[in-house]
Amino acid sequence: MNSDKAIGLIDSGIGGFTVLKELQNYFPNENFIYLGDSANMPYGERTNEEIIKLVNEDIKFLEDRDVKFIVLACNTASSLADRLESNVRLFNIIEAGCLSVLDLKEENYIGLIATRATVHNRSYDNALKELTDEIEFISYGTPTLAQVINNQLDEINLLKKNIKLAIEPIIEQHPIKHLLLGCTHYPIVSKTIKEMYTNIDLINPAIMEAKLVEDYLIKNNLSNNSNESGKTEIFITGPEKKTNKRLLNELEINYNKLKYIQ
C-alpha cells in the first residue's frame, strides 16, 4: 500500500471535525478525506439497520477514493463496527474511548454521555469489560445534544439546557469526577460543560484515537514521509444551507473548501 494515500474519516455530520483536527495536529504530513453525512444526521436517532446501511455507503465512498484506512469519527457508527462492511482497516473511536479511562481505575465509575443509539447498543460497556472489570460507565443517551450543537450552537440557553439534561441523570445515579464525551460533537462545547460542571474532568477519545493511528502507521510502514504539508478534502452531504458557518469557524475549518454532494 502506498504510504501517501489519504486517511479516511466518517461522521454523521461535522462533529467529526474534532477528530480530524486532532489527527491533523499529530500528522501534519498526512492526507485526509473527510465525509460528513449531514443530510442523514443524526445517526443516533435511527434504527441499527438504517445506521449500518448509511455507514456502509459512507465506507464505499471513501474506499472508491482509495484511502489507506478509515477512522469512524462517529460513536454511533462505531457502536455497530462489527456489522459494517469494509475492505480496509476501520478504527473504532469507542475502543479509543475505553482505553482513555484505564488509568482511572481508582474512580470505579466514569460518566458517559452519548447518543441514544450508542448507549442502547452497549458498545462502550462491552468494550470496557474486555479491558477491565474495575471500572463501570454510568451512561445517559441524549437524543438532542448533538443536533443542538450541530445546528443551534449560538443559542446558549438552549445549549446549556441540553447539556444539563444529558449530565444530570448521570450525577443523580452516582457522583462522578470524570465524564467521557461519547459523541464527537461534544468536545466542541467542552468549555461550556466545564463552566457548568467545574469539578468534572472531561475525556476526549480523539486524543487516544490519534495515538492508536500513530502506532498503526509506524508498525505497518504507512506513515507519509513527504516533506510537504498534507492535503485535506472535505465532503458534506445535503444542501449547503444546512451548514452552520458559526460552528465551522469554531472548529477553524475553511468554509470555502467544503464540497457538497447529494
Protein backbone atom coordinates (compact mmCIF):
# COMPACT_ATOMS: atom_id res chain seq x y z
CA MET A 1 0.00 0.00 0.00
CA ASN A 2 1.27 3.47 -0.88
CA SER A 3 2.01 5.47 2.26
CA ASP A 4 0.92 8.71 0.59
CA LYS A 5 -2.69 7.54 0.32
CA ALA A 6 -5.20 9.54 2.34
CA ILE A 7 -6.66 8.60 5.72
CA GLY A 8 -10.46 8.48 5.55
CA LEU A 9 -12.81 9.79 8.24
CA ILE A 10 -16.57 9.32 8.60
CA ASP A 11 -19.06 11.20 10.75
CA SER A 12 -22.81 11.75 10.71
CA GLY A 13 -22.20 15.49 10.41
CA ILE A 14 -19.41 17.91 11.21
CA GLY A 15 -18.77 16.86 14.80
CA GLY A 16 -16.06 14.55 13.49
CA PHE A 17 -14.01 17.64 12.70
CA THR A 18 -12.88 17.41 16.35
CA VAL A 19 -11.21 14.10 15.46
CA LEU A 20 -9.91 15.44 12.15
CA LYS A 21 -8.26 18.41 13.88
CA GLU A 22 -6.57 16.11 16.40
CA LEU A 23 -5.22 13.89 13.62
CA GLN A 24 -4.04 16.87 11.58
CA ASN A 25 -2.12 18.14 14.60
CA TYR A 26 -0.48 14.74 15.15
CA PHE A 27 0.22 14.03 11.48
CA PRO A 28 0.79 17.29 9.55
CA ASN A 29 2.19 15.42 6.54
CA GLU A 30 -0.74 13.01 6.15
CA ASN A 31 -3.52 13.49 3.60
CA PHE A 32 -7.14 13.21 4.74
CA ILE A 33 -10.55 12.71 3.15
CA TYR A 34 -13.47 13.52 5.42
CA LEU A 35 -17.10 12.60 4.76
CA GLY A 36 -19.77 14.24 6.88
CA ASP A 37 -23.24 12.81 6.23
CA SER A 38 -25.16 15.90 7.37
CA ALA A 39 -28.12 15.00 5.13
CA ASN A 40 -28.87 11.99 7.34
CA MET A 41 -27.84 13.43 10.68
CA PRO A 42 -28.45 12.48 13.48
CA TYR A 43 -27.47 8.80 13.17
CA GLY A 44 -28.12 8.35 16.90
CA GLU A 45 -31.88 8.54 16.47
CA ARG A 46 -32.05 5.96 13.66
CA THR A 47 -32.51 2.19 13.83
CA ASN A 48 -29.43 -0.02 13.73
CA GLU A 49 -30.41 -1.23 10.27
CA GLU A 50 -30.59 2.33 8.96
CA ILE A 51 -27.25 3.24 10.53
CA ILE A 52 -25.49 0.19 9.07
CA LYS A 53 -26.84 0.94 5.58
CA LEU A 54 -25.76 4.59 5.75
CA VAL A 55 -22.29 3.88 7.15
CA ASN A 56 -21.63 1.13 4.61
CA GLU A 57 -22.41 3.70 1.92
CA ASP A 58 -20.03 6.14 3.61
CA ILE A 59 -17.31 3.47 3.69
CA LYS A 60 -17.74 2.70 -0.01
CA PHE A 61 -17.49 6.42 -0.82
CA LEU A 62 -14.08 6.57 0.86
CA GLU A 63 -12.88 3.22 -0.48
CA ASP A 64 -13.65 4.45 -4.00
CA ARG A 65 -11.18 7.27 -3.26
CA ASP A 66 -8.51 4.72 -2.31
CA VAL A 67 -7.96 5.62 1.35
CA LYS A 68 -5.44 3.53 3.27
CA PHE A 69 -7.76 3.07 6.26
CA ILE A 70 -10.86 4.69 7.79
CA VAL A 71 -11.41 6.33 11.15
CA LEU A 72 -15.02 6.07 12.32
CA ALA A 73 -15.17 9.55 13.84
CA CYS A 74 -18.71 8.79 14.96
CA ASN A 75 -19.55 6.92 18.14
CA THR A 76 -22.90 5.75 16.79
CA ALA A 77 -21.25 4.20 13.73
CA SER A 78 -18.53 2.72 15.95
CA SER A 79 -21.17 1.08 18.14
CA LEU A 80 -22.02 -1.14 15.15
CA ALA A 81 -18.48 -1.57 13.80
CA ASP A 82 -18.62 -5.38 13.90
CA ARG A 83 -21.59 -5.31 11.50
CA LEU A 84 -20.06 -2.99 8.90
CA GLU A 85 -18.57 -4.00 5.56
CA SER A 86 -15.10 -2.70 4.72
CA ASN A 87 -12.10 -3.71 2.65
CA VAL A 88 -9.75 -1.53 4.71
CA ARG A 89 -8.96 -1.26 8.42
CA LEU A 90 -11.64 0.54 10.46
CA PHE A 91 -10.62 2.48 13.55
CA ASN A 92 -13.34 2.45 16.19
CA ILE A 93 -13.48 5.54 18.42
CA ILE A 94 -15.29 3.60 21.13
CA GLU A 95 -12.17 1.47 21.57
CA ALA A 96 -10.16 4.68 21.94
CA GLY A 97 -12.63 6.00 24.49
CA CYS A 98 -12.38 2.89 26.65
CA LEU A 99 -8.57 2.91 26.52
CA SER A 100 -8.69 6.54 27.64
CA VAL A 101 -10.18 5.64 31.03
CA LEU A 102 -7.96 2.71 32.02
CA ASP A 103 -5.74 4.86 34.23
CA LEU A 104 -8.79 5.91 36.28
CA LYS A 105 -9.44 2.57 37.98
CA GLU A 106 -9.45 4.13 41.43
CA GLU A 107 -12.60 6.04 40.46
CA ASN A 108 -14.70 2.90 39.80
CA TYR A 109 -17.40 4.90 37.99
CA ILE A 110 -16.93 7.08 34.89
CA GLY A 111 -19.72 9.18 33.41
CA LEU A 112 -20.56 8.73 29.73
CA ILE A 113 -22.79 10.94 27.59
CA ALA A 114 -23.57 9.73 24.08
CA THR A 115 -26.40 9.36 21.59
CA ARG A 116 -29.27 7.04 22.45
CA ALA A 117 -28.16 4.51 19.81
CA THR A 118 -24.62 4.35 21.23
CA VAL A 119 -25.91 3.78 24.76
CA HIS A 120 -28.62 1.34 23.64
CA ASN A 121 -26.07 -0.81 21.79
CA ARG A 122 -23.95 -1.02 24.98
CA SER A 123 -20.78 -0.94 22.92
CA TYR A 124 -18.87 1.13 25.48
CA ASP A 125 -19.88 -1.23 28.28
CA ASN A 126 -18.93 -4.34 26.31
CA ALA A 127 -15.63 -2.89 25.10
CA LEU A 128 -14.68 -1.79 28.61
CA LYS A 129 -15.43 -5.23 30.08
CA GLU A 130 -12.86 -6.73 27.72
CA LEU A 131 -10.22 -4.39 29.19
CA THR A 132 -11.07 -4.24 32.90
CA ASP A 133 -13.73 -5.14 35.46
CA GLU A 134 -12.63 -2.36 37.84
CA ILE A 135 -14.47 0.47 36.07
CA GLU A 136 -18.11 0.91 35.14
CA PHE A 137 -19.74 3.53 32.95
CA ILE A 138 -22.72 5.49 34.24
CA SER A 139 -24.31 6.30 30.88
CA TYR A 140 -27.01 8.52 29.50
CA GLY A 141 -28.14 8.66 25.90
CA THR A 142 -29.23 12.15 24.96
CA PRO A 143 -31.48 12.46 21.88
CA THR A 144 -30.88 16.18 21.28
CA LEU A 145 -27.45 17.48 22.33
CA ALA A 146 -25.53 16.63 19.14
CA GLN A 147 -28.24 18.16 16.99
CA VAL A 148 -28.29 21.37 19.05
CA ILE A 149 -24.50 21.65 18.75
CA ASN A 150 -24.66 20.97 15.02
CA ASN A 151 -27.45 23.42 14.23
CA GLN A 152 -28.05 25.83 17.12
CA LEU A 153 -24.67 26.49 18.72
CA ASP A 154 -25.41 30.21 19.10
CA GLU A 155 -28.47 29.58 21.27
CA ILE A 156 -26.55 29.38 24.55
CA ASN A 157 -29.58 28.92 26.82
CA LEU A 158 -30.84 26.04 24.70
CA LEU A 159 -27.35 24.55 24.65
CA LYS A 160 -26.96 24.73 28.43
CA LYS A 161 -30.42 23.23 28.92
CA ASN A 162 -29.49 20.24 26.76
CA ILE A 163 -26.12 19.81 28.44
CA LYS A 164 -27.88 19.71 31.79
CA LEU A 165 -30.46 17.23 30.52
CA ALA A 166 -27.59 14.97 29.40
CA ILE A 167 -25.42 15.12 32.52
CA GLU A 168 -27.83 15.45 35.45
CA PRO A 169 -29.27 11.89 35.07
CA ILE A 170 -25.71 10.56 35.45
CA ILE A 171 -24.94 12.62 38.55
CA GLU A 172 -28.25 11.55 40.10
CA GLN A 173 -27.15 7.91 39.82
CA HIS A 174 -23.63 8.39 41.18
CA PRO A 175 -21.21 11.27 41.84
CA ILE A 176 -18.52 11.30 39.14
CA LYS A 177 -15.16 13.02 38.71
CA HIS A 178 -14.67 12.17 35.03
CA LEU A 179 -17.01 12.37 32.04
CA LEU A 180 -16.28 10.65 28.73
CA LEU A 181 -17.57 12.59 25.74
CA GLY A 182 -19.11 9.75 23.75
CA CYS A 183 -20.04 11.79 20.68
CA THR A 184 -17.57 13.75 18.57
CA HIS A 185 -19.86 16.80 18.65
CA TYR A 186 -19.47 17.18 22.41
CA PRO A 187 -15.81 18.37 22.57
CA ILE A 188 -16.95 21.43 20.61
CA VAL A 189 -18.77 22.63 23.73
CA SER A 190 -16.30 21.30 26.31
CA LYS A 191 -15.61 24.84 27.54
CA THR A 192 -19.30 25.37 28.28
CA ILE A 193 -19.57 21.99 30.01
CA LYS A 194 -16.55 22.83 32.19
CA GLU A 195 -18.09 26.17 33.16
CA MET A 196 -21.26 24.39 34.23
CA TYR A 197 -19.57 21.42 35.96
CA THR A 198 -16.28 22.72 37.34
CA ASN A 199 -15.49 19.60 39.39
CA ILE A 200 -15.74 17.16 36.47
CA ASP A 201 -12.79 16.38 34.20
CA LEU A 202 -13.70 15.76 30.55
CA ILE A 203 -12.23 12.95 28.43
CA ASN A 204 -11.99 13.36 24.65
CA PRO A 205 -11.45 9.96 22.93
CA ALA A 206 -9.91 11.68 19.88
CA ILE A 207 -6.62 12.10 21.74
CA MET A 208 -6.26 8.36 22.26
CA GLU A 209 -7.51 7.72 18.72
CA ALA A 210 -4.58 9.73 17.35
CA LYS A 211 -2.16 7.59 19.39
CA LEU A 212 -3.70 4.37 18.07
CA VAL A 213 -3.45 5.65 14.49
CA GLU A 214 0.18 6.60 15.11
CA ASP A 215 1.02 3.06 16.33
CA TYR A 216 -0.67 1.56 13.27
CA LEU A 217 1.13 3.85 10.83
CA ILE A 218 4.53 3.07 12.35
CA LYS A 219 4.04 -0.70 12.69
CA ASN A 220 2.81 -1.03 9.09
CA ASN A 221 5.26 1.44 7.50
CA LEU A 222 2.36 3.56 6.30
CA SER A 223 3.49 6.98 7.55
CA ASN A 224 3.58 9.63 4.86
CA ASN A 225 7.20 10.77 4.85
CA SER A 226 6.66 13.67 2.47
CA ASN A 227 8.32 16.94 3.42
CA GLU A 228 5.20 18.81 2.32
CA SER A 229 2.12 19.51 4.43
CA GLY A 230 -0.72 17.08 3.82
CA LYS A 231 -3.91 17.95 1.96
CA THR A 232 -7.46 17.56 3.27
CA GLU A 233 -10.62 17.06 1.23
CA ILE A 234 -13.94 17.58 2.99
CA PHE A 235 -17.21 16.24 1.56
CA ILE A 236 -20.58 17.09 3.11
CA THR A 237 -23.89 15.53 2.07
CA GLY A 238 -27.06 17.55 1.76
CA PRO A 239 -27.71 21.19 0.88
CA GLU A 240 -25.16 23.89 1.64
CA LYS A 241 -27.75 25.94 3.53
CA LYS A 242 -27.81 23.36 6.34
CA THR A 243 -24.18 24.01 7.24
CA ASN A 244 -23.60 26.01 10.41
CA LYS A 245 -20.88 28.54 9.47
CA ARG A 246 -20.50 29.62 13.09
CA LEU A 247 -19.64 26.05 14.01
CA LEU A 248 -17.09 25.79 11.20
CA ASN A 249 -15.40 28.95 12.46
CA GLU A 250 -15.32 27.47 15.96
CA LEU A 251 -13.50 24.43 14.54
CA GLU A 252 -11.21 26.57 12.35
CA ILE A 253 -12.50 24.92 9.17
CA ASN A 254 -12.38 26.93 5.96
CA TYR A 255 -16.00 27.06 4.81
CA ASN A 256 -15.00 27.65 1.17
CA LYS A 257 -13.14 24.32 1.00
CA LEU A 258 -16.20 22.16 1.66
CA LYS A 259 -17.50 20.07 -1.26
CA TYR A 260 -21.23 19.35 -1.20
CA ILE A 261 -22.60 16.11 -2.60
CA GLN A 262 -26.16 14.82 -2.88
